[in-house]
Structures are given as structure tokens and as C-alpha cells.
Amino acid sequence: MSQVVRLTISLPRDMISFADKVAGERKISRSKVISSCLQEVAEQRRIAELEEGYKVMAEENRKFAKMAFELQRKVVTDQK
């Protein structure tokens, strides 16, 4: 785990109240609530980046398969 650093932030009062409510429900600190939220956002971003990478790779694989199929058809046709 990363080193913990103390940070002072400003939030709207309703967000502080919400963080306090969640902290009470989960029996964790307000800092842990905010940290968990940021970790979730980071994980969502990582998943989105992976999904985008998989889409790009799928398109590259589709193009390669099409090219390979066309070459195979040409070779088989030329051999007849």
C-alpha cells in the first residue's frame, strides 16, 4: 500500500454529511470513505482503459484474420 499523506480539502457541507453517514454505516473513518471512493474511480478508469485496449486489439485481430483469409484463398486458388 502507498504511504499515507495528510491532506486538507474543502467539500460542500452536504458531501461531508454524506461521507459521515457512509462512515457511520460502514464503521470506518471519513478519510477511508473518501479514499475508497477515489479507489473506485481509479478502478473504473483502469477498467475503461482495458476495455478500450481490448476493442483496439479485437479490431486489429479482425483485420489480420481478413488479410490472412484472403491470402489463403489466393494461395489455394493458385495451386488448383
N, C-alpha and C. Protein backbone atom coordinates (compact mmCIF):
# COMPACT_ATOMS: atom_id res chain seq x y z
N MET A 1 0.84 -1.19 0.00
CA MET A 1 0.00 0.00 0.00
C MET A 1 0.88 1.24 0.00
N SER A 2 0.38 2.30 -0.57
CA SER A 2 1.12 3.55 -0.64
C SER A 2 1.22 4.20 0.73
N GLN A 3 2.20 5.07 0.84
CA GLN A 3 2.36 5.84 2.06
C GLN A 3 1.17 6.78 2.22
N VAL A 4 0.67 6.88 3.43
CA VAL A 4 -0.47 7.76 3.72
C VAL A 4 0.05 9.17 3.97
N VAL A 5 -0.59 10.14 3.34
CA VAL A 5 -0.21 11.55 3.48
C VAL A 5 -1.43 12.32 3.96
N ARG A 6 -1.23 13.19 4.91
CA ARG A 6 -2.32 14.03 5.42
C ARG A 6 -2.64 15.10 4.37
N LEU A 7 -3.93 15.35 4.17
CA LEU A 7 -4.38 16.28 3.15
C LEU A 7 -5.57 17.06 3.69
N THR A 8 -5.60 18.33 3.43
CA THR A 8 -6.74 19.16 3.80
C THR A 8 -7.49 19.50 2.52
N ILE A 9 -8.79 19.22 2.51
CA ILE A 9 -9.61 19.53 1.34
C ILE A 9 -10.87 20.27 1.76
N SER A 10 -11.47 20.94 0.82
CA SER A 10 -12.74 21.62 1.05
C SER A 10 -13.82 20.90 0.27
N LEU A 11 -14.93 20.63 0.94
CA LEU A 11 -16.06 19.96 0.31
C LEU A 11 -17.35 20.67 0.68
N PRO A 12 -18.34 20.56 -0.18
CA PRO A 12 -19.65 21.11 0.20
C PRO A 12 -20.17 20.39 1.46
N ARG A 13 -20.89 21.12 2.26
CA ARG A 13 -21.40 20.58 3.53
C ARG A 13 -22.21 19.29 3.33
N ASP A 14 -23.02 19.24 2.26
CA ASP A 14 -23.82 18.03 2.05
C ASP A 14 -22.95 16.81 1.73
N MET A 15 -21.81 17.02 1.09
CA MET A 15 -20.90 15.91 0.81
C MET A 15 -20.24 15.42 2.10
N ILE A 16 -19.91 16.34 2.99
CA ILE A 16 -19.34 15.97 4.29
C ILE A 16 -20.37 15.18 5.09
N SER A 17 -21.61 15.64 5.08
CA SER A 17 -22.68 14.91 5.79
C SER A 17 -22.86 13.52 5.22
N PHE A 18 -22.82 13.43 3.90
CA PHE A 18 -22.95 12.12 3.26
C PHE A 18 -21.78 11.21 3.62
N ALA A 19 -20.56 11.76 3.59
CA ALA A 19 -19.37 10.97 3.96
C ALA A 19 -19.49 10.49 5.40
N ASP A 20 -19.96 11.36 6.28
CA ASP A 20 -20.15 10.97 7.69
C ASP A 20 -21.19 9.86 7.82
N LYS A 21 -22.26 9.95 7.05
CA LYS A 21 -23.31 8.93 7.08
C LYS A 21 -22.76 7.57 6.62
N VAL A 22 -22.05 7.59 5.51
CA VAL A 22 -21.45 6.34 4.99
C VAL A 22 -20.43 5.79 5.98
N ALA A 23 -19.62 6.67 6.54
CA ALA A 23 -18.62 6.24 7.52
C ALA A 23 -19.29 5.58 8.72
N GLY A 24 -20.37 6.16 9.18
CA GLY A 24 -21.10 5.58 10.31
C GLY A 24 -21.69 4.23 9.98
N GLU A 25 -22.29 4.12 8.80
CA GLU A 25 -22.88 2.85 8.36
C GLU A 25 -21.84 1.74 8.23
N ARG A 26 -20.69 2.11 7.71
CA ARG A 26 -19.64 1.10 7.48
C ARG A 26 -18.66 0.98 8.64
N LYS A 27 -18.83 1.85 9.62
CA LYS A 27 -17.94 1.89 10.78
C LYS A 27 -16.47 2.05 10.37
N ILE A 28 -16.27 3.04 9.50
CA ILE A 28 -14.93 3.41 9.06
C ILE A 28 -14.79 4.92 9.17
N SER A 29 -13.58 5.40 9.00
CA SER A 29 -13.35 6.84 9.11
C SER A 29 -13.83 7.57 7.86
N ARG A 30 -14.02 8.86 8.02
CA ARG A 30 -14.37 9.72 6.88
C ARG A 30 -13.27 9.65 5.82
N SER A 31 -12.03 9.65 6.27
CA SER A 31 -10.91 9.55 5.33
C SER A 31 -10.98 8.26 4.52
N LYS A 32 -11.34 7.18 5.18
CA LYS A 32 -11.44 5.89 4.49
C LYS A 32 -12.57 5.91 3.47
N VAL A 33 -13.66 6.58 3.78
CA VAL A 33 -14.78 6.72 2.83
C VAL A 33 -14.29 7.41 1.56
N ILE A 34 -13.62 8.53 1.73
CA ILE A 34 -13.13 9.31 0.58
C ILE A 34 -12.07 8.52 -0.17
N SER A 35 -11.18 7.87 0.55
CA SER A 35 -10.16 7.05 -0.08
C SER A 35 -10.78 5.92 -0.89
N SER A 36 -11.80 5.28 -0.33
CA SER A 36 -12.48 4.19 -1.04
C SER A 36 -13.15 4.69 -2.31
N CYS A 37 -13.75 5.86 -2.24
CA CYS A 37 -14.39 6.45 -3.42
C CYS A 37 -13.35 6.71 -4.52
N LEU A 38 -12.22 7.26 -4.14
CA LEU A 38 -11.17 7.53 -5.12
C LEU A 38 -10.61 6.24 -5.70
N GLN A 39 -10.48 5.21 -4.86
CA GLN A 39 -10.01 3.91 -5.36
C GLN A 39 -11.00 3.33 -6.37
N GLU A 40 -12.28 3.50 -6.10
CA GLU A 40 -13.30 3.01 -7.02
C GLU A 40 -13.23 3.75 -8.35
N VAL A 41 -13.06 5.05 -8.31
CA VAL A 41 -12.93 5.83 -9.54
C VAL A 41 -11.69 5.39 -10.32
N ALA A 42 -10.58 5.18 -9.62
CA ALA A 42 -9.35 4.72 -10.27
C ALA A 42 -9.56 3.35 -10.91
N GLU A 43 -10.26 2.46 -10.24
CA GLU A 43 -10.54 1.13 -10.78
C GLU A 43 -11.44 1.21 -12.00
N GLN A 44 -12.46 2.07 -11.95
CA GLN A 44 -13.34 2.25 -13.11
C GLN A 44 -12.56 2.78 -14.31
N ARG A 45 -11.64 3.69 -14.06
CA ARG A 45 -10.82 4.24 -15.13
C ARG A 45 -9.92 3.16 -15.73
N ARG A 46 -9.33 2.34 -14.85
CA ARG A 46 -8.45 1.26 -15.31
C ARG A 46 -9.25 0.27 -16.16
N ILE A 47 -10.45 -0.07 -15.73
CA ILE A 47 -11.30 -0.99 -16.49
C ILE A 47 -11.67 -0.40 -17.84
N ALA A 48 -12.00 0.88 -17.87
CA ALA A 48 -12.35 1.56 -19.12
C ALA A 48 -11.15 1.55 -20.08
N GLU A 49 -9.96 1.78 -19.56
CA GLU A 49 -8.76 1.76 -20.40
C GLU A 49 -8.50 0.36 -20.95
N LEU A 50 -8.69 -0.66 -20.12
CA LEU A 50 -8.52 -2.04 -20.57
C LEU A 50 -9.56 -2.38 -21.65
N GLU A 51 -10.79 -1.98 -21.43
CA GLU A 51 -11.85 -2.25 -22.41
C GLU A 51 -11.50 -1.61 -23.75
N GLU A 52 -11.01 -0.38 -23.71
CA GLU A 52 -10.64 0.31 -24.94
C GLU A 52 -9.49 -0.44 -25.63
N GLY A 53 -8.52 -0.88 -24.85
CA GLY A 53 -7.41 -1.65 -25.41
C GLY A 53 -7.87 -2.95 -26.05
N TYR A 54 -8.80 -3.63 -25.39
CA TYR A 54 -9.33 -4.87 -25.94
C TYR A 54 -10.09 -4.62 -27.24
N LYS A 55 -10.82 -3.51 -27.31
CA LYS A 55 -11.53 -3.17 -28.54
C LYS A 55 -10.56 -2.92 -29.68
N VAL A 56 -9.48 -2.20 -29.40
CA VAL A 56 -8.47 -1.92 -30.42
C VAL A 56 -7.83 -3.22 -30.89
N MET A 57 -7.48 -4.08 -29.95
CA MET A 57 -6.87 -5.37 -30.30
C MET A 57 -7.84 -6.23 -31.10
N ALA A 58 -9.10 -6.22 -30.75
CA ALA A 58 -10.10 -7.01 -31.49
C ALA A 58 -10.18 -6.54 -32.94
N GLU A 59 -10.14 -5.24 -33.14
CA GLU A 59 -10.19 -4.69 -34.50
C GLU A 59 -8.93 -5.08 -35.27
N GLU A 60 -7.78 -5.00 -34.63
CA GLU A 60 -6.53 -5.41 -35.28
C GLU A 60 -6.56 -6.90 -35.63
N ASN A 61 -7.07 -7.71 -34.72
CA ASN A 61 -7.18 -9.15 -34.99
C ASN A 61 -8.15 -9.43 -36.14
N ARG A 62 -9.24 -8.68 -36.20
CA ARG A 62 -10.20 -8.84 -37.29
C ARG A 62 -9.55 -8.51 -38.62
N LYS A 63 -8.80 -7.42 -38.68
CA LYS A 63 -8.13 -7.02 -39.91
C LYS A 63 -7.10 -8.08 -40.33
N PHE A 64 -6.35 -8.59 -39.35
CA PHE A 64 -5.34 -9.60 -39.66
C PHE A 64 -6.00 -10.88 -40.17
N ALA A 65 -7.08 -11.30 -39.53
CA ALA A 65 -7.78 -12.51 -39.96
C ALA A 65 -8.31 -12.36 -41.37
N LYS A 66 -8.85 -11.19 -41.68
CA LYS A 66 -9.37 -10.94 -43.03
C LYS A 66 -8.24 -11.02 -44.05
N MET A 67 -7.09 -10.40 -43.74
CA MET A 67 -5.95 -10.43 -44.64
C MET A 67 -5.45 -11.86 -44.82
N ALA A 68 -5.33 -12.60 -43.71
CA ALA A 68 -4.85 -13.98 -43.79
C ALA A 68 -5.80 -14.85 -44.59
N PHE A 69 -7.10 -14.67 -44.40
CA PHE A 69 -8.09 -15.45 -45.14
C PHE A 69 -7.99 -15.16 -46.63
N GLU A 70 -7.82 -13.89 -47.00
CA GLU A 70 -7.70 -13.52 -48.41
C GLU A 70 -6.43 -14.11 -49.02
N LEU A 71 -5.33 -14.10 -48.28
CA LEU A 71 -4.08 -14.70 -48.77
C LEU A 71 -4.22 -16.21 -48.92
N GLN A 72 -4.86 -16.84 -47.95
CA GLN A 72 -5.06 -18.28 -48.01
C GLN A 72 -5.91 -18.65 -49.23
N ARG A 73 -6.96 -17.89 -49.45
CA ARG A 73 -7.83 -18.16 -50.61
C ARG A 73 -7.05 -18.00 -51.91
N LYS A 74 -6.17 -16.99 -51.99
CA LYS A 74 -5.37 -16.77 -53.19
C LYS A 74 -4.40 -17.93 -53.40
N VAL A 75 -3.75 -18.38 -52.33
CA VAL A 75 -2.79 -19.48 -52.45
C VAL A 75 -3.51 -20.76 -52.87
N VAL A 76 -4.63 -21.06 -52.27
CA VAL A 76 -5.38 -22.27 -52.61
C VAL A 76 -5.88 -22.18 -54.05
N THR A 77 -6.35 -21.03 -54.48
CA THR A 77 -6.82 -20.85 -55.84
C THR A 77 -5.67 -20.98 -56.84
N ASP A 78 -4.50 -20.44 -56.53
CA ASP A 78 -3.33 -20.50 -57.41
C ASP A 78 -2.80 -21.93 -57.54
N GLN A 79 -3.01 -22.75 -56.52
CA GLN A 79 -2.49 -24.13 -56.56
C GLN A 79 -3.37 -25.05 -57.39
N LYS A 80 -4.58 -24.65 -57.68
CA LYS A 80 -5.51 -25.51 -58.45
C LYS A 80 -5.22 -25.49 -59.92
